Amino acid sequence: MAAATAVETTSADQEALTLGELRAWRGLLRAHACLRKRIDAELERQHGLPMTSYEVLLHLEEANRGRLRMCDLAEQAQLSRSGLTRLVDRLERDGLLERCSCSHDARGAYACLTDSGRTRLQEARVTHRAALRSAFFSRFSEEELSLLADMWDRIAPCNGL
């Protein structure tokens, strides 16, 4: 007789989502997609720099000595390793970052921010902040933004999921 591995479910797990649950979930997805599209388009239009590239450069700038191990950068940028590799290839081709080797681990590869990458990031930062303020922050009071931040903290980073 084979051992059964059943996942315990409650009746609430099996019920259809409520209207409030659907509206909240779909609203989050719609808001994220809309904001990302607007900010991405503005960064691309003004700086030729998609938002994903901007975020990778930002993570590198914030890192110690402007460099991060590729696996850590992929995690911080919320990209798959293969997705990050393709993006790093483009950014390296554009001279915005370079691959650096790790002196104490021959297997370790780093992405290192170049001076050109730092300059492009600084230029794009003004556009990014203005787009965030226009499309997102301006829609809420400081108190509401604080409440939103507290709510996001309840579920991110994934609370063990």
C-alpha atoms as a PDB file:
ATOM      1  CA  MET A   1       0.000   0.000   0.000  1.00  0.00           C
ATOM      2  CA  ALA A   2       1.498   3.339  -1.065  1.00  0.00           C
ATOM      3  CA  ALA A   3       1.630   6.148   1.438  1.00  0.00           C
ATOM      4  CA  ALA A   4      -0.614   9.022   0.484  1.00  0.00           C
ATOM      5  CA  THR A   5       0.800  12.525   0.635  1.00  0.00           C
ATOM      6  CA  ALA A   6      -2.221  14.724   0.887  1.00  0.00           C
ATOM      7  CA  VAL A   7      -2.111  18.422   1.441  1.00  0.00           C
ATOM      8  CA  GLU A   8      -4.464  19.528   4.141  1.00  0.00           C
ATOM      9  CA  THR A   9      -7.032  21.966   2.890  1.00  0.00           C
ATOM     10  CA  THR A  10      -9.785  23.753   4.642  1.00  0.00           C
ATOM     11  CA  SER A  11     -13.164  24.569   3.204  1.00  0.00           C
ATOM     12  CA  ALA A  12     -11.995  28.196   2.875  1.00  0.00           C
ATOM     13  CA  ASP A  13      -9.134  27.039   0.606  1.00  0.00           C
ATOM     14  CA  GLN A  14     -11.622  25.427  -1.739  1.00  0.00           C
ATOM     15  CA  GLU A  15     -14.138  28.255  -1.869  1.00  0.00           C
ATOM     16  CA  ALA A  16     -14.194  30.744  -4.698  1.00  0.00           C
ATOM     17  CA  LEU A  17     -12.436  34.013  -4.041  1.00  0.00           C
ATOM     18  CA  THR A  18     -14.641  36.756  -2.672  1.00  0.00           C
ATOM     19  CA  LEU A  19     -15.273  39.887  -4.675  1.00  0.00           C
ATOM     20  CA  GLY A  20     -13.018  41.802  -2.278  1.00  0.00           C
ATOM     21  CA  GLU A  21     -10.211  39.252  -2.693  1.00  0.00           C
ATOM     22  CA  LEU A  22     -10.516  39.352  -6.486  1.00  0.00           C
ATOM     23  CA  ARG A  23     -10.576  43.149  -6.615  1.00  0.00           C
ATOM     24  CA  ALA A  24      -7.551  43.429  -4.313  1.00  0.00           C
ATOM     25  CA  TRP A  25      -5.500  40.845  -6.215  1.00  0.00           C
ATOM     26  CA  ARG A  26      -6.395  42.043  -9.682  1.00  0.00           C
ATOM     27  CA  GLY A  27      -5.931  45.655  -8.621  1.00  0.00           C
ATOM     28  CA  LEU A  28      -2.419  44.911  -7.379  1.00  0.00           C
ATOM     29  CA  LEU A  29      -1.526  43.175 -10.641  1.00  0.00           C
ATOM     30  CA  ARG A  30      -3.052  45.945 -12.763  1.00  0.00           C
ATOM     31  CA  ALA A  31      -1.397  48.731 -10.740  1.00  0.00           C
ATOM     32  CA  HIS A  32       1.996  47.048 -10.891  1.00  0.00           C
ATOM     33  CA  ALA A  33       1.766  46.447 -14.627  1.00  0.00           C
ATOM     34  CA  CYS A  34       0.571  49.986 -15.330  1.00  0.00           C
ATOM     35  CA  LEU A  35       3.223  51.660 -13.174  1.00  0.00           C
ATOM     36  CA  ARG A  36       5.988  49.476 -14.552  1.00  0.00           C
ATOM     37  CA  LYS A  37       4.912  50.190 -18.134  1.00  0.00           C
ATOM     38  CA  ARG A  38       4.763  53.973 -17.578  1.00  0.00           C
ATOM     39  CA  ILE A  39       8.104  54.197 -15.806  1.00  0.00           C
ATOM     40  CA  ASP A  40       9.773  51.826 -18.256  1.00  0.00           C
ATOM     41  CA  ALA A  41       8.538  53.858 -21.230  1.00  0.00           C
ATOM     42  CA  GLU A  42       9.788  57.116 -19.703  1.00  0.00           C
ATOM     43  CA  LEU A  43      13.242  55.711 -18.905  1.00  0.00           C
ATOM     44  CA  GLU A  44      13.495  54.156 -22.346  1.00  0.00           C
ATOM     45  CA  ARG A  45      12.352  57.343 -24.102  1.00  0.00           C
ATOM     46  CA  GLN A  46      14.646  59.717 -22.257  1.00  0.00           C
ATOM     47  CA  HIS A  47      17.686  57.521 -21.607  1.00  0.00           C
ATOM     48  CA  GLY A  48      17.434  54.412 -23.777  1.00  0.00           C
ATOM     49  CA  LEU A  49      17.461  52.453 -20.532  1.00  0.00           C
ATOM     50  CA  PRO A  50      14.649  50.019 -19.715  1.00  0.00           C
ATOM     51  CA  MET A  51      13.583  49.871 -16.077  1.00  0.00           C
ATOM     52  CA  THR A  52      15.076  46.419 -15.553  1.00  0.00           C
ATOM     53  CA  SER A  53      18.458  47.744 -16.689  1.00  0.00           C
ATOM     54  CA  TYR A  54      18.048  50.782 -14.451  1.00  0.00           C
ATOM     55  CA  GLU A  55      17.322  48.541 -11.470  1.00  0.00           C
ATOM     56  CA  VAL A  56      20.357  46.337 -12.144  1.00  0.00           C
ATOM     57  CA  LEU A  57      22.611  49.400 -12.348  1.00  0.00           C
ATOM     58  CA  LEU A  58      21.033  50.760  -9.154  1.00  0.00           C
ATOM     59  CA  HIS A  59      21.717  47.510  -7.270  1.00  0.00           C
ATOM     60  CA  LEU A  60      25.325  47.646  -8.426  1.00  0.00           C
ATOM     61  CA  GLU A  61      25.715  51.269  -7.360  1.00  0.00           C
ATOM     62  CA  GLU A  62      24.364  50.432  -3.899  1.00  0.00           C
ATOM     63  CA  ALA A  63      26.692  47.442  -3.549  1.00  0.00           C
ATOM     64  CA  ASN A  64      30.127  47.469  -1.966  1.00  0.00           C
ATOM     65  CA  ARG A  65      32.624  48.851  -4.526  1.00  0.00           C
ATOM     66  CA  GLY A  66      29.912  48.859  -7.227  1.00  0.00           C
ATOM     67  CA  ARG A  67      30.051  45.113  -7.741  1.00  0.00           C
ATOM     68  CA  LEU A  68      27.906  42.094  -6.965  1.00  0.00           C
ATOM     69  CA  ARG A  69      28.201  38.405  -7.576  1.00  0.00           C
ATOM     70  CA  MET A  70      25.981  37.459 -10.490  1.00  0.00           C
ATOM     71  CA  CYS A  71      23.844  35.131  -8.360  1.00  0.00           C
ATOM     72  CA  ASP A  72      23.275  37.866  -5.757  1.00  0.00           C
ATOM     73  CA  LEU A  73      22.447  40.417  -8.436  1.00  0.00           C
ATOM     74  CA  ALA A  74      19.906  38.029  -9.990  1.00  0.00           C
ATOM     75  CA  GLU A  75      18.226  37.613  -6.608  1.00  0.00           C
ATOM     76  CA  GLN A  76      18.165  41.334  -5.830  1.00  0.00           C
ATOM     77  CA  ALA A  77      16.862  42.240  -9.287  1.00  0.00           C
ATOM     78  CA  GLN A  78      14.313  39.401  -9.095  1.00  0.00           C
ATOM     79  CA  LEU A  79      15.520  37.881 -12.352  1.00  0.00           C
ATOM     80  CA  SER A  80      16.337  34.316 -13.282  1.00  0.00           C
ATOM     81  CA  ARG A  81      20.036  33.634 -13.697  1.00  0.00           C
ATOM     82  CA  SER A  82      19.582  33.178 -17.441  1.00  0.00           C
ATOM     83  CA  GLY A  83      17.544  36.382 -17.662  1.00  0.00           C
ATOM     84  CA  LEU A  84      20.226  38.281 -15.779  1.00  0.00           C
ATOM     85  CA  THR A  85      22.948  36.824 -18.007  1.00  0.00           C
ATOM     86  CA  ARG A  86      21.192  38.119 -21.129  1.00  0.00           C
ATOM     87  CA  LEU A  87      20.679  41.537 -19.531  1.00  0.00           C
ATOM     88  CA  VAL A  88      24.291  41.723 -18.345  1.00  0.00           C
ATOM     89  CA  ASP A  89      25.423  40.834 -21.877  1.00  0.00           C
ATOM     90  CA  ARG A  90      23.498  43.858 -23.225  1.00  0.00           C
ATOM     91  CA  LEU A  91      24.693  46.196 -20.468  1.00  0.00           C
ATOM     92  CA  GLU A  92      28.270  45.048 -20.976  1.00  0.00           C
ATOM     93  CA  ARG A  93      27.970  45.580 -24.743  1.00  0.00           C
ATOM     94  CA  ASP A  94      26.741  49.120 -23.987  1.00  0.00           C
ATOM     95  CA  GLY A  95      29.702  49.712 -21.648  1.00  0.00           C
ATOM     96  CA  LEU A  96      27.518  50.222 -18.568  1.00  0.00           C
ATOM     97  CA  LEU A  97      28.971  47.329 -16.610  1.00  0.00           C
ATOM     98  CA  GLU A  98      31.660  44.721 -16.983  1.00  0.00           C
ATOM     99  CA  ARG A  99      32.197  41.214 -15.759  1.00  0.00           C
ATOM    100  CA  CYS A 100      34.932  40.957 -13.172  1.00  0.00           C
ATOM    101  CA  SER A 101      36.526  37.850 -11.765  1.00  0.00           C
ATOM    102  CA  CYS A 102      36.682  37.078  -8.095  1.00  0.00           C
ATOM    103  CA  SER A 103      40.250  37.015  -6.769  1.00  0.00           C
ATOM    104  CA  HIS A 104      39.491  34.438  -4.054  1.00  0.00           C
ATOM    105  CA  ASP A 105      37.091  32.204  -6.024  1.00  0.00           C
ATOM    106  CA  ALA A 106      37.884  31.424  -9.659  1.00  0.00           C
ATOM    107  CA  ARG A 107      34.313  30.209 -10.181  1.00  0.00           C
ATOM    108  CA  GLY A 108      32.771  33.452  -8.915  1.00  0.00           C
ATOM    109  CA  ALA A 109      31.815  36.100 -11.440  1.00  0.00           C
ATOM    110  CA  TYR A 110      30.929  39.649 -10.553  1.00  0.00           C
ATOM    111  CA  ALA A 111      29.045  42.339 -12.405  1.00  0.00           C
ATOM    112  CA  CYS A 112      30.902  45.621 -11.910  1.00  0.00           C
ATOM    113  CA  LEU A 113      29.480  49.064 -12.581  1.00  0.00           C
ATOM    114  CA  THR A 114      31.563  51.142 -14.993  1.00  0.00           C
ATOM    115  CA  ASP A 115      32.003  54.918 -14.880  1.00  0.00           C
ATOM    116  CA  SER A 116      29.757  55.125 -17.948  1.00  0.00           C
ATOM    117  CA  GLY A 117      27.124  53.035 -16.169  1.00  0.00           C
ATOM    118  CA  ARG A 118      27.310  55.248 -13.093  1.00  0.00           C
ATOM    119  CA  THR A 119      26.864  58.364 -15.246  1.00  0.00           C
ATOM    120  CA  ARG A 120      23.896  56.887 -17.147  1.00  0.00           C
ATOM    121  CA  LEU A 121      22.305  55.823 -13.863  1.00  0.00           C
ATOM    122  CA  GLN A 122      22.684  59.310 -12.377  1.00  0.00           C
ATOM    123  CA  GLU A 123      21.059  60.850 -15.444  1.00  0.00           C
ATOM    124  CA  ALA A 124      18.188  58.357 -15.403  1.00  0.00           C
ATOM    125  CA  ARG A 125      17.648  58.690 -11.644  1.00  0.00           C
ATOM    126  CA  VAL A 126      16.052  62.126 -12.072  1.00  0.00           C
ATOM    127  CA  THR A 127      13.593  60.726 -14.624  1.00  0.00           C
ATOM    128  CA  HIS A 128      12.872  57.651 -12.488  1.00  0.00           C
ATOM    129  CA  ARG A 129      12.124  59.710  -9.384  1.00  0.00           C
ATOM    130  CA  ALA A 130       9.930  62.149 -11.314  1.00  0.00           C
ATOM    131  CA  ALA A 131       7.986  59.278 -12.888  1.00  0.00           C
ATOM    132  CA  LEU A 132       7.490  57.603  -9.496  1.00  0.00           C
ATOM    133  CA  ARG A 133       6.262  60.830  -7.962  1.00  0.00           C
ATOM    134  CA  SER A 134       3.893  61.553 -10.834  1.00  0.00           C
ATOM    135  CA  ALA A 135       2.468  58.073 -11.370  1.00  0.00           C
ATOM    136  CA  PHE A 136       2.463  56.735  -7.815  1.00  0.00           C
ATOM    137  CA  PHE A 137       3.478  58.876  -4.831  1.00  0.00           C
ATOM    138  CA  SER A 138       1.349  61.884  -5.810  1.00  0.00           C
ATOM    139  CA  ARG A 139      -1.786  59.729  -5.558  1.00  0.00           C
ATOM    140  CA  PHE A 140      -1.348  59.177  -1.809  1.00  0.00           C
ATOM    141  CA  SER A 141      -0.768  61.160   1.359  1.00  0.00           C
ATOM    142  CA  GLU A 142       2.355  60.497   3.456  1.00  0.00           C
ATOM    143  CA  GLU A 143       0.162  58.601   5.914  1.00  0.00           C
ATOM    144  CA  GLU A 144      -1.284  56.419   3.143  1.00  0.00           C
ATOM    145  CA  LEU A 145       2.195  55.708   1.774  1.00  0.00           C
ATOM    146  CA  SER A 146       3.282  54.625   5.244  1.00  0.00           C
ATOM    147  CA  LEU A 147       0.259  52.319   5.512  1.00  0.00           C
ATOM    148  CA  LEU A 148       0.984  50.855   2.077  1.00  0.00           C
ATOM    149  CA  ALA A 149       4.594  50.220   3.050  1.00  0.00           C
ATOM    150  CA  ASP A 150       3.457  48.440   6.212  1.00  0.00           C
ATOM    151  CA  MET A 151       1.048  46.282   4.201  1.00  0.00           C
ATOM    152  CA  TRP A 152       3.727  45.329   1.647  1.00  0.00           C
ATOM    153  CA  ASP A 153       6.021  44.344   4.523  1.00  0.00           C
ATOM    154  CA  ARG A 154       3.447  41.769   5.617  1.00  0.00           C
ATOM    155  CA  ILE A 155       3.930  39.796   2.425  1.00  0.00           C
ATOM    156  CA  ALA A 156       7.459  40.653   1.277  1.00  0.00           C
ATOM    157  CA  PRO A 157       9.956  39.214   1.156  1.00  0.00           C
ATOM    158  CA  CYS A 158       7.523  36.379   0.693  1.00  0.00           C
ATOM    159  CA  ASN A 159       7.150  35.706   4.445  1.00  0.00           C
ATOM    160  CA  GLY A 160       8.540  32.205   4.100  1.00  0.00           C
ATOM    161  CA  LEU A 161       6.518  31.259   1.027  1.00  0.00           C
END
